[in-house]
């Protein structure tokens, strides 16, 4: 019996990292986007980026892209978990 037949997930199944790159990248983009927005709006003083309009515009765009990436990552993980549960239910029957 192989690891897949026993219901255990091996590295070839992609269980540990399914959707995590989307979530990680999205979280990083969200944090950087919020930071750029705050600095661009001059809410953080004594920074080279403080008061620069380009950061006030690019920040929300990057934050929105990060949120979209997080949503995609959550959906990918949920879909994969449903498929894995269905596979395990089939093998249990």
N, C-alpha and C. Protein backbone atom coordinates (compact mmCIF):
# COMPACT_ATOMS: atom_id res chain seq x y z
N UNK A 1 0.83 -1.17 0.00
CA UNK A 1 0.00 0.00 0.00
C UNK A 1 0.88 1.24 0.00
N UNK A 2 0.56 2.20 -0.84
CA UNK A 2 1.34 3.44 -0.87
C UNK A 2 0.76 4.45 0.09
N UNK A 3 1.47 5.55 0.27
CA UNK A 3 1.02 6.59 1.20
C UNK A 3 -0.31 7.18 0.74
N UNK A 4 -0.52 7.31 -0.58
CA UNK A 4 -1.78 7.86 -1.09
C UNK A 4 -2.95 6.95 -0.83
N UNK A 5 -2.73 5.62 -0.86
CA UNK A 5 -3.82 4.68 -0.62
C UNK A 5 -4.20 4.61 0.85
N UNK A 6 -3.26 4.92 1.74
CA UNK A 6 -3.54 4.89 3.17
C UNK A 6 -4.27 6.14 3.64
N UNK A 7 -4.39 7.14 2.78
CA UNK A 7 -5.04 8.39 3.17
C UNK A 7 -4.07 9.41 3.71
N UNK A 8 -2.80 9.02 3.87
CA UNK A 8 -1.80 9.97 4.32
C UNK A 8 -1.34 10.79 3.12
N UNK A 9 -1.08 12.04 3.35
CA UNK A 9 -0.68 12.93 2.27
C UNK A 9 0.83 13.00 2.21
N UNK A 10 1.36 12.72 1.05
CA UNK A 10 2.79 12.80 0.85
C UNK A 10 3.15 14.08 0.12
N UNK A 11 4.44 14.34 -0.07
CA UNK A 11 4.85 15.57 -0.73
C UNK A 11 4.37 15.64 -2.18
N UNK A 12 4.16 14.49 -2.82
CA UNK A 12 3.68 14.50 -4.20
C UNK A 12 2.24 14.97 -4.30
N UNK A 13 1.48 14.90 -3.21
CA UNK A 13 0.10 15.37 -3.21
C UNK A 13 0.01 16.88 -3.11
N UNK A 14 1.02 17.52 -2.62
CA UNK A 14 1.04 18.97 -2.49
C UNK A 14 0.20 19.49 -1.34
N UNK A 15 -0.11 18.69 -0.37
CA UNK A 15 -0.97 19.10 0.73
C UNK A 15 -0.36 20.24 1.55
N UNK A 16 0.90 20.16 1.97
CA UNK A 16 1.40 21.17 2.88
C UNK A 16 1.41 22.59 2.30
N UNK A 17 1.66 22.75 1.02
CA UNK A 17 1.82 24.08 0.47
C UNK A 17 0.72 24.47 -0.52
N UNK A 18 -0.35 23.74 -0.58
CA UNK A 18 -1.40 24.07 -1.53
C UNK A 18 -2.08 25.37 -1.12
N UNK A 19 -1.91 26.41 -1.89
CA UNK A 19 -2.52 27.70 -1.62
C UNK A 19 -1.68 28.63 -0.76
N UNK A 20 -0.69 28.09 -0.07
CA UNK A 20 0.12 28.94 0.82
C UNK A 20 0.94 29.98 0.09
N UNK A 21 1.50 29.71 -1.09
CA UNK A 21 2.22 30.79 -1.79
C UNK A 21 1.32 31.99 -2.08
N UNK A 22 0.07 31.74 -2.45
CA UNK A 22 -0.88 32.83 -2.67
C UNK A 22 -1.13 33.60 -1.38
N UNK A 23 -1.32 32.87 -0.29
CA UNK A 23 -1.58 33.52 1.00
C UNK A 23 -0.38 34.32 1.50
N UNK A 24 0.79 33.76 1.37
CA UNK A 24 2.00 34.43 1.84
C UNK A 24 2.29 35.68 1.01
N UNK A 25 2.22 35.54 -0.30
CA UNK A 25 2.45 36.69 -1.17
C UNK A 25 1.40 37.77 -0.96
N UNK A 26 0.16 37.35 -0.77
CA UNK A 26 -0.91 38.30 -0.54
C UNK A 26 -0.74 39.05 0.76
N UNK A 27 -0.35 38.36 1.80
CA UNK A 27 -0.13 39.02 3.10
C UNK A 27 1.02 40.00 3.01
N UNK A 28 2.09 39.62 2.34
CA UNK A 28 3.23 40.51 2.18
C UNK A 28 2.82 41.76 1.38
N UNK A 29 2.09 41.56 0.28
CA UNK A 29 1.63 42.69 -0.53
C UNK A 29 0.69 43.59 0.26
N UNK A 30 -0.18 43.00 1.06
CA UNK A 30 -1.11 43.79 1.86
C UNK A 30 -0.37 44.66 2.88
N UNK A 31 0.58 44.08 3.57
CA UNK A 31 1.33 44.83 4.58
C UNK A 31 2.14 45.96 3.93
N UNK A 32 2.82 45.65 2.84
CA UNK A 32 3.61 46.68 2.16
C UNK A 32 2.70 47.76 1.59
N UNK A 33 1.56 47.35 1.03
CA UNK A 33 0.63 48.33 0.48
C UNK A 33 0.09 49.27 1.53
N UNK A 34 -0.26 48.75 2.69
CA UNK A 34 -0.74 49.61 3.78
C UNK A 34 0.37 50.53 4.26
N UNK A 35 1.57 50.01 4.38
CA UNK A 35 2.71 50.84 4.80
C UNK A 35 2.96 51.96 3.81
N UNK A 36 2.96 51.65 2.52
CA UNK A 36 3.17 52.68 1.50
C UNK A 36 2.06 53.72 1.54
N UNK A 37 0.82 53.27 1.75
CA UNK A 37 -0.29 54.21 1.82
C UNK A 37 -0.12 55.17 2.99
N UNK A 38 0.20 54.63 4.14
CA UNK A 38 0.37 55.46 5.34
C UNK A 38 1.52 56.44 5.15
N UNK A 39 2.61 55.98 4.56
CA UNK A 39 3.74 56.87 4.33
C UNK A 39 3.42 57.90 3.24
N UNK A 40 2.72 57.49 2.21
CA UNK A 40 2.37 58.42 1.14
C UNK A 40 1.42 59.50 1.59
N UNK A 41 0.55 59.17 2.55
CA UNK A 41 -0.38 60.16 3.09
C UNK A 41 0.26 61.00 4.19
N UNK A 42 1.54 60.80 4.44
CA UNK A 42 2.33 61.55 5.41
C UNK A 42 1.83 61.36 6.84
N UNK A 43 1.34 60.16 7.14
CA UNK A 43 0.94 59.83 8.51
C UNK A 43 2.12 59.32 9.32
N UNK A 44 3.18 58.90 8.64
CA UNK A 44 4.43 58.49 9.27
C UNK A 44 5.47 59.53 8.88
N UNK A 45 6.03 60.17 9.85
CA UNK A 45 6.98 61.25 9.57
C UNK A 45 8.41 60.72 9.57
N UNK A 46 9.32 61.55 9.10
CA UNK A 46 10.76 61.26 9.09
C UNK A 46 11.10 60.04 8.24
N UNK A 47 10.44 59.91 7.11
CA UNK A 47 10.76 58.85 6.17
C UNK A 47 10.98 59.48 4.80
N UNK A 48 11.80 58.85 4.01
CA UNK A 48 12.07 59.38 2.68
C UNK A 48 10.83 59.27 1.78
N UNK A 49 9.91 58.38 2.15
CA UNK A 49 8.68 58.19 1.38
C UNK A 49 7.51 59.03 1.90
N UNK A 50 7.70 59.74 2.98
CA UNK A 50 6.61 60.51 3.58
C UNK A 50 6.18 61.64 2.66
N UNK A 51 4.87 61.70 2.42
CA UNK A 51 4.31 62.77 1.62
C UNK A 51 4.48 62.61 0.12
N UNK A 52 5.01 61.49 -0.36
CA UNK A 52 5.20 61.27 -1.79
C UNK A 52 3.90 60.70 -2.36
N UNK A 53 3.33 61.42 -3.33
CA UNK A 53 2.04 61.05 -3.89
C UNK A 53 2.06 59.68 -4.56
N UNK A 54 3.18 59.32 -5.15
CA UNK A 54 3.27 58.02 -5.84
C UNK A 54 3.00 56.87 -4.88
N UNK A 55 3.47 56.99 -3.66
CA UNK A 55 3.25 55.92 -2.67
C UNK A 55 1.81 55.93 -2.17
N UNK A 56 1.20 57.12 -2.12
CA UNK A 56 -0.20 57.21 -1.71
C UNK A 56 -1.11 56.58 -2.75
N UNK A 57 -0.67 56.52 -4.00
CA UNK A 57 -1.46 55.90 -5.08
C UNK A 57 -1.12 54.42 -5.21
N UNK A 58 0.17 54.09 -5.19
CA UNK A 58 0.59 52.70 -5.38
C UNK A 58 0.25 51.82 -4.19
N UNK A 59 0.21 52.38 -3.00
CA UNK A 59 -0.07 51.61 -1.80
C UNK A 59 -1.42 50.92 -1.82
N UNK A 60 -2.52 51.66 -2.06
CA UNK A 60 -3.83 50.99 -2.10
C UNK A 60 -3.95 49.98 -3.24
N UNK A 61 -3.30 50.25 -4.35
CA UNK A 61 -3.33 49.29 -5.46
C UNK A 61 -2.65 47.99 -5.05
N UNK A 62 -1.50 48.10 -4.42
CA UNK A 62 -0.78 46.91 -3.95
C UNK A 62 -1.55 46.19 -2.85
N UNK A 63 -2.18 46.95 -1.96
CA UNK A 63 -2.97 46.34 -0.89
C UNK A 63 -4.18 45.59 -1.47
N UNK A 64 -4.82 46.17 -2.48
CA UNK A 64 -5.95 45.50 -3.12
C UNK A 64 -5.51 44.22 -3.83
N UNK A 65 -4.35 44.28 -4.48
CA UNK A 65 -3.81 43.07 -5.12
C UNK A 65 -3.49 42.01 -4.08
N UNK A 66 -3.00 42.43 -2.92
CA UNK A 66 -2.72 41.49 -1.84
C UNK A 66 -3.99 40.83 -1.32
N UNK A 67 -5.06 41.62 -1.17
CA UNK A 67 -6.34 41.04 -0.74
C UNK A 67 -6.86 40.02 -1.74
N UNK A 68 -6.75 40.36 -3.02
CA UNK A 68 -7.19 39.41 -4.07
C UNK A 68 -6.38 38.12 -3.99
N UNK A 69 -5.09 38.24 -3.78
CA UNK A 69 -4.23 37.07 -3.68
C UNK A 69 -4.59 36.22 -2.46
N UNK A 70 -4.92 36.85 -1.36
CA UNK A 70 -5.32 36.12 -0.15
C UNK A 70 -6.62 35.36 -0.42
N UNK A 71 -7.57 35.99 -1.08
CA UNK A 71 -8.84 35.32 -1.41
C UNK A 71 -8.59 34.13 -2.31
N UNK A 72 -7.73 34.28 -3.30
CA UNK A 72 -7.40 33.16 -4.19
C UNK A 72 -6.78 32.03 -3.39
N UNK A 73 -5.85 32.34 -2.50
CA UNK A 73 -5.19 31.32 -1.69
C UNK A 73 -6.17 30.57 -0.80
N UNK A 74 -7.10 31.29 -0.20
CA UNK A 74 -8.10 30.63 0.66
C UNK A 74 -8.98 29.71 -0.18
N UNK A 75 -9.37 30.17 -1.35
CA UNK A 75 -10.21 29.33 -2.22
C UNK A 75 -9.47 28.08 -2.70
N UNK A 76 -8.20 28.24 -3.06
CA UNK A 76 -7.40 27.09 -3.51
C UNK A 76 -7.29 26.07 -2.39
N UNK A 77 -6.99 26.53 -1.17
CA UNK A 77 -6.88 25.59 -0.05
C UNK A 77 -8.20 24.90 0.26
N UNK A 78 -9.29 25.66 0.23
CA UNK A 78 -10.59 25.07 0.53
C UNK A 78 -10.98 24.03 -0.53
N UNK A 79 -10.74 24.35 -1.80
CA UNK A 79 -11.07 23.41 -2.87
C UNK A 79 -10.23 22.14 -2.75
N UNK A 80 -8.95 22.32 -2.43
CA UNK A 80 -8.08 21.15 -2.30
C UNK A 80 -8.48 20.30 -1.10
N UNK A 81 -8.83 20.94 0.00
CA UNK A 81 -9.26 20.17 1.19
C UNK A 81 -10.54 19.41 0.92
N UNK A 82 -11.49 20.01 0.17
CA UNK A 82 -12.71 19.28 -0.18
C UNK A 82 -12.41 18.08 -1.06
N UNK A 83 -11.50 18.27 -2.04
CA UNK A 83 -11.12 17.17 -2.92
C UNK A 83 -10.41 16.07 -2.14
N UNK A 84 -9.56 16.44 -1.21
CA UNK A 84 -8.85 15.46 -0.39
C UNK A 84 -9.82 14.68 0.49
N UNK A 85 -10.79 15.37 1.09
CA UNK A 85 -11.79 14.70 1.93
C UNK A 85 -12.64 13.75 1.09
N UNK A 86 -13.00 14.16 -0.12
CA UNK A 86 -13.79 13.29 -0.99
C UNK A 86 -12.99 12.05 -1.37
N UNK A 87 -11.69 12.25 -1.64
CA UNK A 87 -10.84 11.10 -1.98
C UNK A 87 -10.72 10.14 -0.81
N UNK A 88 -10.59 10.69 0.39
CA UNK A 88 -10.48 9.83 1.57
C UNK A 88 -11.79 9.11 1.85
N UNK A 89 -12.92 9.76 1.60
CA UNK A 89 -14.22 9.10 1.78
C UNK A 89 -14.41 7.97 0.78
N UNK A 90 -13.94 8.16 -0.44
CA UNK A 90 -14.04 7.12 -1.46
C UNK A 90 -13.18 5.92 -1.10
N UNK A 91 -11.99 6.18 -0.56
CA UNK A 91 -11.11 5.08 -0.22
C UNK A 91 -11.59 4.33 1.04
N UNK A 92 -12.36 5.04 1.90
CA UNK A 92 -12.87 4.41 3.11
C UNK A 92 -14.04 3.49 2.79
N UNK A 93 -14.75 3.78 1.70
CA UNK A 93 -15.92 2.94 1.33
C UNK A 93 -15.54 1.66 0.72
